Amino acid sequence: QVQLVESGGGLVQAGGSLSLSCAASGSTGSISAMGWYRQAPGKQRELVARIWNTGGTVYADSVKGRFTISRDNAANTVLLQMNSLKPEDTAVYYCNARFRGLRPDNDYWGQGTQVTVSS
């Protein structure tokens, strides 16, 4: 019932910036939070940032002070502004939506977008 369409990603030089966008469509009324995860080669998927529709946020320690997550609840869109990018930020980034009253097993995921940071 929910589709997540991601945009952004690409190749950027270390120290540069990149912005990711994820637009949710369909039955979005029950979404309680949206976020971004990433998965690097040989590693498990990890949380980058999450924002609840009430405004609360959480960030991975590795991106605090560099990344900013924001959400337009009316537009059902979440943004991830990435500044001061490092080569270790290279990964596939996935948009995530969590639903009110449901467990994380019921999360919806975007298709993923590649972010590559050159040294």
C-alpha atoms as a PDB file:
ATOM      1  CA  GLN A   1       0.000   0.000   0.000  1.00  0.00           C
ATOM      2  CA  VAL A   2       2.997   2.295   0.417  1.00  0.00           C
ATOM      3  CA  GLN A   3       5.677   3.078  -2.105  1.00  0.00           C
ATOM      4  CA  LEU A   4       8.936   4.834  -1.323  1.00  0.00           C
ATOM      5  CA  VAL A   5      10.599   6.627  -4.211  1.00  0.00           C
ATOM      6  CA  GLU A   6      14.164   7.749  -3.638  1.00  0.00           C
ATOM      7  CA  SER A   7      16.162  10.325  -5.507  1.00  0.00           C
ATOM      8  CA  GLY A   8      19.662  11.665  -5.179  1.00  0.00           C
ATOM      9  CA  GLY A   9      22.808   9.734  -4.611  1.00  0.00           C
ATOM     10  CA  GLY A  10      25.827   9.648  -6.841  1.00  0.00           C
ATOM     11  CA  LEU A  11      29.531  10.334  -6.765  1.00  0.00           C
ATOM     12  CA  VAL A  12      30.976  13.132  -4.678  1.00  0.00           C
ATOM     13  CA  GLN A  13      34.442  14.145  -3.538  1.00  0.00           C
ATOM     14  CA  ALA A  14      35.396  13.852   0.113  1.00  0.00           C
ATOM     15  CA  GLY A  15      34.355  16.963   1.988  1.00  0.00           C
ATOM     16  CA  GLY A  16      31.503  17.613  -0.379  1.00  0.00           C
ATOM     17  CA  SER A  17      27.758  17.471   0.120  1.00  0.00           C
ATOM     18  CA  LEU A  18      24.895  15.429  -1.199  1.00  0.00           C
ATOM     19  CA  SER A  19      21.166  15.418  -0.566  1.00  0.00           C
ATOM     20  CA  LEU A  20      18.856  12.411  -0.654  1.00  0.00           C
ATOM     21  CA  SER A  21      15.098  12.570  -0.958  1.00  0.00           C
ATOM     22  CA  CYS A  22      12.410   9.964  -0.357  1.00  0.00           C
ATOM     23  CA  ALA A  23       8.760  10.477  -1.211  1.00  0.00           C
ATOM     24  CA  ALA A  24       6.106   8.164   0.206  1.00  0.00           C
ATOM     25  CA  SER A  25       2.875   7.544  -1.620  1.00  0.00           C
ATOM     26  CA  GLY A  26      -0.172   5.374  -1.131  1.00  0.00           C
ATOM     27  CA  SER A  27      -1.594   4.668   2.317  1.00  0.00           C
ATOM     28  CA  THR A  28       0.723   7.008   4.189  1.00  0.00           C
ATOM     29  CA  GLY A  29      -1.630   8.003   6.988  1.00  0.00           C
ATOM     30  CA  SER A  30      -0.290   5.422   9.429  1.00  0.00           C
ATOM     31  CA  ILE A  31       3.407   6.224   8.983  1.00  0.00           C
ATOM     32  CA  SER A  32       4.895   7.135  12.345  1.00  0.00           C
ATOM     33  CA  ALA A  33       8.517   7.608  11.311  1.00  0.00           C
ATOM     34  CA  MET A  34      10.764   7.664   8.299  1.00  0.00           C
ATOM     35  CA  GLY A  35      14.473   7.225   8.118  1.00  0.00           C
ATOM     36  CA  TRP A  36      17.570   6.340   6.200  1.00  0.00           C
ATOM     37  CA  TYR A  37      19.701   3.235   6.506  1.00  0.00           C
ATOM     38  CA  ARG A  38      22.858   2.318   4.668  1.00  0.00           C
ATOM     39  CA  GLN A  39      24.747  -0.823   3.801  1.00  0.00           C
ATOM     40  CA  ALA A  40      28.381  -0.919   2.788  1.00  0.00           C
ATOM     41  CA  PRO A  41      29.992  -3.946   1.115  1.00  0.00           C
ATOM     42  CA  GLY A  42      30.621  -6.689   3.646  1.00  0.00           C
ATOM     43  CA  LYS A  43      28.639  -4.949   6.371  1.00  0.00           C
ATOM     44  CA  GLN A  44      25.130  -5.195   7.743  1.00  0.00           C
ATOM     45  CA  ARG A  45      22.547  -2.535   7.146  1.00  0.00           C
ATOM     46  CA  GLU A  46      22.742   0.186   9.767  1.00  0.00           C
ATOM     47  CA  LEU A  47      20.591   3.091  10.822  1.00  0.00           C
ATOM     48  CA  VAL A  48      21.814   6.476   9.628  1.00  0.00           C
ATOM     49  CA  ALA A  49      19.017   8.719  10.854  1.00  0.00           C
ATOM     50  CA  ARG A  50      15.350   8.569  11.729  1.00  0.00           C
ATOM     51  CA  ILE A  51      12.685  11.196  12.239  1.00  0.00           C
ATOM     52  CA  TRP A  52       9.273  10.675  13.802  1.00  0.00           C
ATOM     53  CA  ASN A  53       6.226  12.554  12.618  1.00  0.00           C
ATOM     54  CA  THR A  54       6.224  14.240  16.012  1.00  0.00           C
ATOM     55  CA  GLY A  55       9.612  15.756  15.256  1.00  0.00           C
ATOM     56  CA  GLY A  56      12.034  13.622  17.248  1.00  0.00           C
ATOM     57  CA  THR A  57      15.231  12.489  15.562  1.00  0.00           C
ATOM     58  CA  VAL A  58      18.026  10.023  16.120  1.00  0.00           C
ATOM     59  CA  TYR A  59      21.380   9.825  14.356  1.00  0.00           C
ATOM     60  CA  ALA A  60      24.169   7.313  14.138  1.00  0.00           C
ATOM     61  CA  ASP A  61      27.216   8.521  16.050  1.00  0.00           C
ATOM     62  CA  SER A  62      29.281   8.412  12.879  1.00  0.00           C
ATOM     63  CA  VAL A  63      27.142  11.045  11.145  1.00  0.00           C
ATOM     64  CA  LYS A  64      26.241  13.378  14.004  1.00  0.00           C
ATOM     65  CA  GLY A  65      27.078  16.952  13.151  1.00  0.00           C
ATOM     66  CA  ARG A  66      27.411  16.167   9.454  1.00  0.00           C
ATOM     67  CA  PHE A  67      24.028  14.798   8.386  1.00  0.00           C
ATOM     68  CA  THR A  68      20.620  16.344   8.922  1.00  0.00           C
ATOM     69  CA  ILE A  69      17.312  14.566   8.483  1.00  0.00           C
ATOM     70  CA  SER A  70      14.107  16.485   7.927  1.00  0.00           C
ATOM     71  CA  ARG A  71      10.557  15.625   6.999  1.00  0.00           C
ATOM     72  CA  ASP A  72       7.605  17.319   5.399  1.00  0.00           C
ATOM     73  CA  ASN A  73       4.722  15.406   6.936  1.00  0.00           C
ATOM     74  CA  ALA A  74       2.158  16.971   4.626  1.00  0.00           C
ATOM     75  CA  ALA A  75       4.124  15.924   1.574  1.00  0.00           C
ATOM     76  CA  ASN A  76       5.222  12.599   3.081  1.00  0.00           C
ATOM     77  CA  THR A  77       8.775  13.343   2.083  1.00  0.00           C
ATOM     78  CA  VAL A  78      11.966  12.834   4.052  1.00  0.00           C
ATOM     79  CA  LEU A  79      15.294  14.450   3.215  1.00  0.00           C
ATOM     80  CA  LEU A  80      18.821  13.612   4.238  1.00  0.00           C
ATOM     81  CA  GLN A  81      21.321  16.421   3.855  1.00  0.00           C
ATOM     82  CA  MET A  82      24.835  15.018   3.962  1.00  0.00           C
ATOM     83  CA  ASN A  83      27.727  17.396   4.488  1.00  0.00           C
ATOM     84  CA  SER A  84      31.457  16.878   5.016  1.00  0.00           C
ATOM     85  CA  LEU A  85      31.218  13.500   3.369  1.00  0.00           C
ATOM     86  CA  LYS A  86      33.908  10.927   4.022  1.00  0.00           C
ATOM     87  CA  PRO A  87      34.942   7.865   2.012  1.00  0.00           C
ATOM     88  CA  GLU A  88      33.547   5.687   4.803  1.00  0.00           C
ATOM     89  CA  ASP A  89      30.105   7.092   4.018  1.00  0.00           C
ATOM     90  CA  THR A  90      30.171   5.126   0.772  1.00  0.00           C
ATOM     91  CA  ALA A  91      27.221   2.729   0.808  1.00  0.00           C
ATOM     92  CA  VAL A  92      23.827   1.986  -0.618  1.00  0.00           C
ATOM     93  CA  TYR A  93      21.323   4.178   1.191  1.00  0.00           C
ATOM     94  CA  TYR A  94      17.780   2.946   1.779  1.00  0.00           C
ATOM     95  CA  CYS A  95      14.694   4.905   2.693  1.00  0.00           C
ATOM     96  CA  ASN A  96      12.551   3.376   5.422  1.00  0.00           C
ATOM     97  CA  ALA A  97       9.011   3.940   6.670  1.00  0.00           C
ATOM     98  CA  ARG A  98       7.664   2.677   9.987  1.00  0.00           C
ATOM     99  CA  PHE A  99       3.994   2.417  10.814  1.00  0.00           C
ATOM    100  CA  ARG A 100       2.098   3.379  13.930  1.00  0.00           C
ATOM    101  CA  GLY A 101       1.140   0.350  15.985  1.00  0.00           C
ATOM    102  CA  LEU A 102       3.195  -2.095  13.927  1.00  0.00           C
ATOM    103  CA  ARG A 103       6.522  -3.762  14.552  1.00  0.00           C
ATOM    104  CA  PRO A 104       9.654  -3.052  12.473  1.00  0.00           C
ATOM    105  CA  ASP A 105       8.976  -6.302  10.623  1.00  0.00           C
ATOM    106  CA  ASN A 106       6.283  -4.378   8.780  1.00  0.00           C
ATOM    107  CA  ASP A 107       8.577  -1.571   7.633  1.00  0.00           C
ATOM    108  CA  TYR A 108       8.564  -0.512   4.010  1.00  0.00           C
ATOM    109  CA  TRP A 109      11.812   0.046   2.141  1.00  0.00           C
ATOM    110  CA  GLY A 110      12.939   1.985  -0.873  1.00  0.00           C
ATOM    111  CA  GLN A 111      14.974   0.449  -3.646  1.00  0.00           C
ATOM    112  CA  GLY A 112      18.250   1.957  -2.467  1.00  0.00           C
ATOM    113  CA  THR A 113      20.509   4.566  -3.981  1.00  0.00           C
ATOM    114  CA  GLN A 114      24.278   4.417  -4.281  1.00  0.00           C
ATOM    115  CA  VAL A 115      26.404   7.052  -2.593  1.00  0.00           C
ATOM    116  CA  THR A 116      30.096   6.985  -3.420  1.00  0.00           C
ATOM    117  CA  VAL A 117      32.586   9.349  -1.793  1.00  0.00           C
ATOM    118  CA  SER A 118      36.009   9.558  -3.375  1.00  0.00           C
ATOM    119  CA  SER A 119      39.115  10.352  -1.357  1.00  0.00           C
END
